[in-house]
Amino acid sequence: MFSRREPVPFAFIAETDRFRSNVTPPPHERASAGQIAGRWLLGLTIVAGIVGALVLGMPALSQDNLSTQNQQSQAADNR
């Protein structure tokens, strides 16, 4: 099939695919030692919070087989 060119009301819209900028962005500033230390401290705080939540939450998630066996045996003895 052949492509049909439709009229465009603005010439700059039709030429956007051919446009290249000759302006380069400014170089990125290097992070200071304080900024790097702050990023590391924030990352370590987040990781420590996740690990702490897992450590404190694991006993609540584990199934205690001894307590269920004791409850069942006491119920069977009281019959």
C-alpha atoms as a PDB file:
ATOM      1  CA  MET A   1       0.000   0.000   0.000  1.00  0.00           C
ATOM      2  CA  PHE A   2       1.078   3.552  -0.557  1.00  0.00           C
ATOM      3  CA  SER A   3       1.036   6.135   2.222  1.00  0.00           C
ATOM      4  CA  ARG A   4      -1.117   9.189   1.778  1.00  0.00           C
ATOM      5  CA  ARG A   5       0.155  12.522   3.096  1.00  0.00           C
ATOM      6  CA  GLU A   6      -2.533  14.523   4.800  1.00  0.00           C
ATOM      7  CA  PRO A   7      -2.311  18.292   5.135  1.00  0.00           C
ATOM      8  CA  VAL A   8      -0.920  19.463   8.461  1.00  0.00           C
ATOM      9  CA  PRO A   9      -1.964  22.876   9.740  1.00  0.00           C
ATOM     10  CA  PHE A  10       1.473  23.711  11.140  1.00  0.00           C
ATOM     11  CA  ALA A  11       4.680  23.082   9.259  1.00  0.00           C
ATOM     12  CA  PHE A  12       6.760  22.439  12.409  1.00  0.00           C
ATOM     13  CA  ILE A  13       4.570  19.480  13.361  1.00  0.00           C
ATOM     14  CA  ALA A  14       5.232  17.841  10.012  1.00  0.00           C
ATOM     15  CA  GLU A  15       8.988  18.340  10.353  1.00  0.00           C
ATOM     16  CA  THR A  16       9.458  17.115  13.921  1.00  0.00           C
ATOM     17  CA  ASP A  17      10.916  13.770  12.840  1.00  0.00           C
ATOM     18  CA  ARG A  18      13.711  15.566  10.968  1.00  0.00           C
ATOM     19  CA  PHE A  19      14.516  18.065  13.721  1.00  0.00           C
ATOM     20  CA  ARG A  20      17.760  17.619  15.676  1.00  0.00           C
ATOM     21  CA  SER A  21      18.807  19.940  18.447  1.00  0.00           C
ATOM     22  CA  ASN A  22      22.326  21.300  18.493  1.00  0.00           C
ATOM     23  CA  VAL A  23      22.078  22.287  22.168  1.00  0.00           C
ATOM     24  CA  THR A  24      23.747  19.905  24.594  1.00  0.00           C
ATOM     25  CA  PRO A  25      22.465  19.671  28.156  1.00  0.00           C
ATOM     26  CA  PRO A  26      24.784  20.803  30.949  1.00  0.00           C
ATOM     27  CA  PRO A  27      26.925  18.089  32.566  1.00  0.00           C
ATOM     28  CA  HIS A  28      25.615  16.470  35.738  1.00  0.00           C
ATOM     29  CA  GLU A  29      27.025  17.782  38.984  1.00  0.00           C
ATOM     30  CA  ARG A  30      28.938  15.258  41.044  1.00  0.00           C
ATOM     31  CA  ALA A  31      27.366  14.310  44.351  1.00  0.00           C
ATOM     32  CA  SER A  32      29.204  15.526  47.412  1.00  0.00           C
ATOM     33  CA  ALA A  33      30.474  13.187  50.110  1.00  0.00           C
ATOM     34  CA  GLY A  34      27.613  14.220  52.389  1.00  0.00           C
ATOM     35  CA  GLN A  35      25.024  13.397  49.739  1.00  0.00           C
ATOM     36  CA  ILE A  36      26.569   9.988  49.101  1.00  0.00           C
ATOM     37  CA  ALA A  37      26.693   9.258  52.846  1.00  0.00           C
ATOM     38  CA  GLY A  38      23.070  10.354  53.195  1.00  0.00           C
ATOM     39  CA  ARG A  39      21.970   8.045  50.397  1.00  0.00           C
ATOM     40  CA  TRP A  40      23.810   5.127  51.968  1.00  0.00           C
ATOM     41  CA  LEU A  41      22.304   5.893  55.385  1.00  0.00           C
ATOM     42  CA  LEU A  42      18.812   6.076  53.943  1.00  0.00           C
ATOM     43  CA  GLY A  43      19.292   2.775  52.099  1.00  0.00           C
ATOM     44  CA  LEU A  44      20.649   1.049  55.191  1.00  0.00           C
ATOM     45  CA  THR A  45      17.748   2.375  57.269  1.00  0.00           C
ATOM     46  CA  ILE A  46      15.203   1.002  54.805  1.00  0.00           C
ATOM     47  CA  VAL A  47      16.927  -2.387  54.623  1.00  0.00           C
ATOM     48  CA  ALA A  48      17.221  -2.555  58.427  1.00  0.00           C
ATOM     49  CA  GLY A  49      13.520  -1.767  58.752  1.00  0.00           C
ATOM     50  CA  ILE A  50      12.558  -4.549  56.355  1.00  0.00           C
ATOM     51  CA  VAL A  51      14.852  -7.056  58.072  1.00  0.00           C
ATOM     52  CA  GLY A  52      13.563  -6.017  61.489  1.00  0.00           C
ATOM     53  CA  ALA A  53       9.966  -6.438  60.377  1.00  0.00           C
ATOM     54  CA  LEU A  54      10.751  -9.921  59.082  1.00  0.00           C
ATOM     55  CA  VAL A  55      12.586 -10.920  62.269  1.00  0.00           C
ATOM     56  CA  LEU A  56       9.749  -9.698  64.482  1.00  0.00           C
ATOM     57  CA  GLY A  57       7.031 -11.078  62.215  1.00  0.00           C
ATOM     58  CA  MET A  58       8.394 -14.577  61.619  1.00  0.00           C
ATOM     59  CA  PRO A  59       7.333 -16.012  65.015  1.00  0.00           C
ATOM     60  CA  ALA A  60       3.778 -14.863  64.364  1.00  0.00           C
ATOM     61  CA  LEU A  61       3.787 -16.550  60.956  1.00  0.00           C
ATOM     62  CA  SER A  62       5.264 -19.859  62.060  1.00  0.00           C
ATOM     63  CA  GLN A  63       2.993 -22.739  63.017  1.00  0.00           C
ATOM     64  CA  ASP A  64       3.729 -24.020  66.463  1.00  0.00           C
ATOM     65  CA  ASN A  65       3.231 -27.798  66.353  1.00  0.00           C
ATOM     66  CA  LEU A  66       3.833 -28.292  70.084  1.00  0.00           C
ATOM     67  CA  SER A  67       1.030 -25.979  71.184  1.00  0.00           C
ATOM     68  CA  THR A  68      -1.499 -27.612  68.839  1.00  0.00           C
ATOM     69  CA  GLN A  69      -0.507 -31.088  70.004  1.00  0.00           C
ATOM     70  CA  ASN A  70      -0.844 -30.094  73.661  1.00  0.00           C
ATOM     71  CA  GLN A  71      -4.284 -28.631  73.066  1.00  0.00           C
ATOM     72  CA  GLN A  72      -5.428 -31.743  71.262  1.00  0.00           C
ATOM     73  CA  SER A  73      -4.098 -34.077  73.931  1.00  0.00           C
ATOM     74  CA  GLN A  74      -5.720 -32.102  76.732  1.00  0.00           C
ATOM     75  CA  ALA A  75      -9.024 -32.146  74.898  1.00  0.00           C
ATOM     76  CA  ALA A  76      -8.756 -35.897  74.447  1.00  0.00           C
ATOM     77  CA  ASP A  77      -7.915 -36.435  78.142  1.00  0.00           C
ATOM     78  CA  ASN A  78     -10.936 -34.458  79.376  1.00  0.00           C
ATOM     79  CA  ARG A  79     -13.436 -36.662  77.536  1.00  0.00           C
END
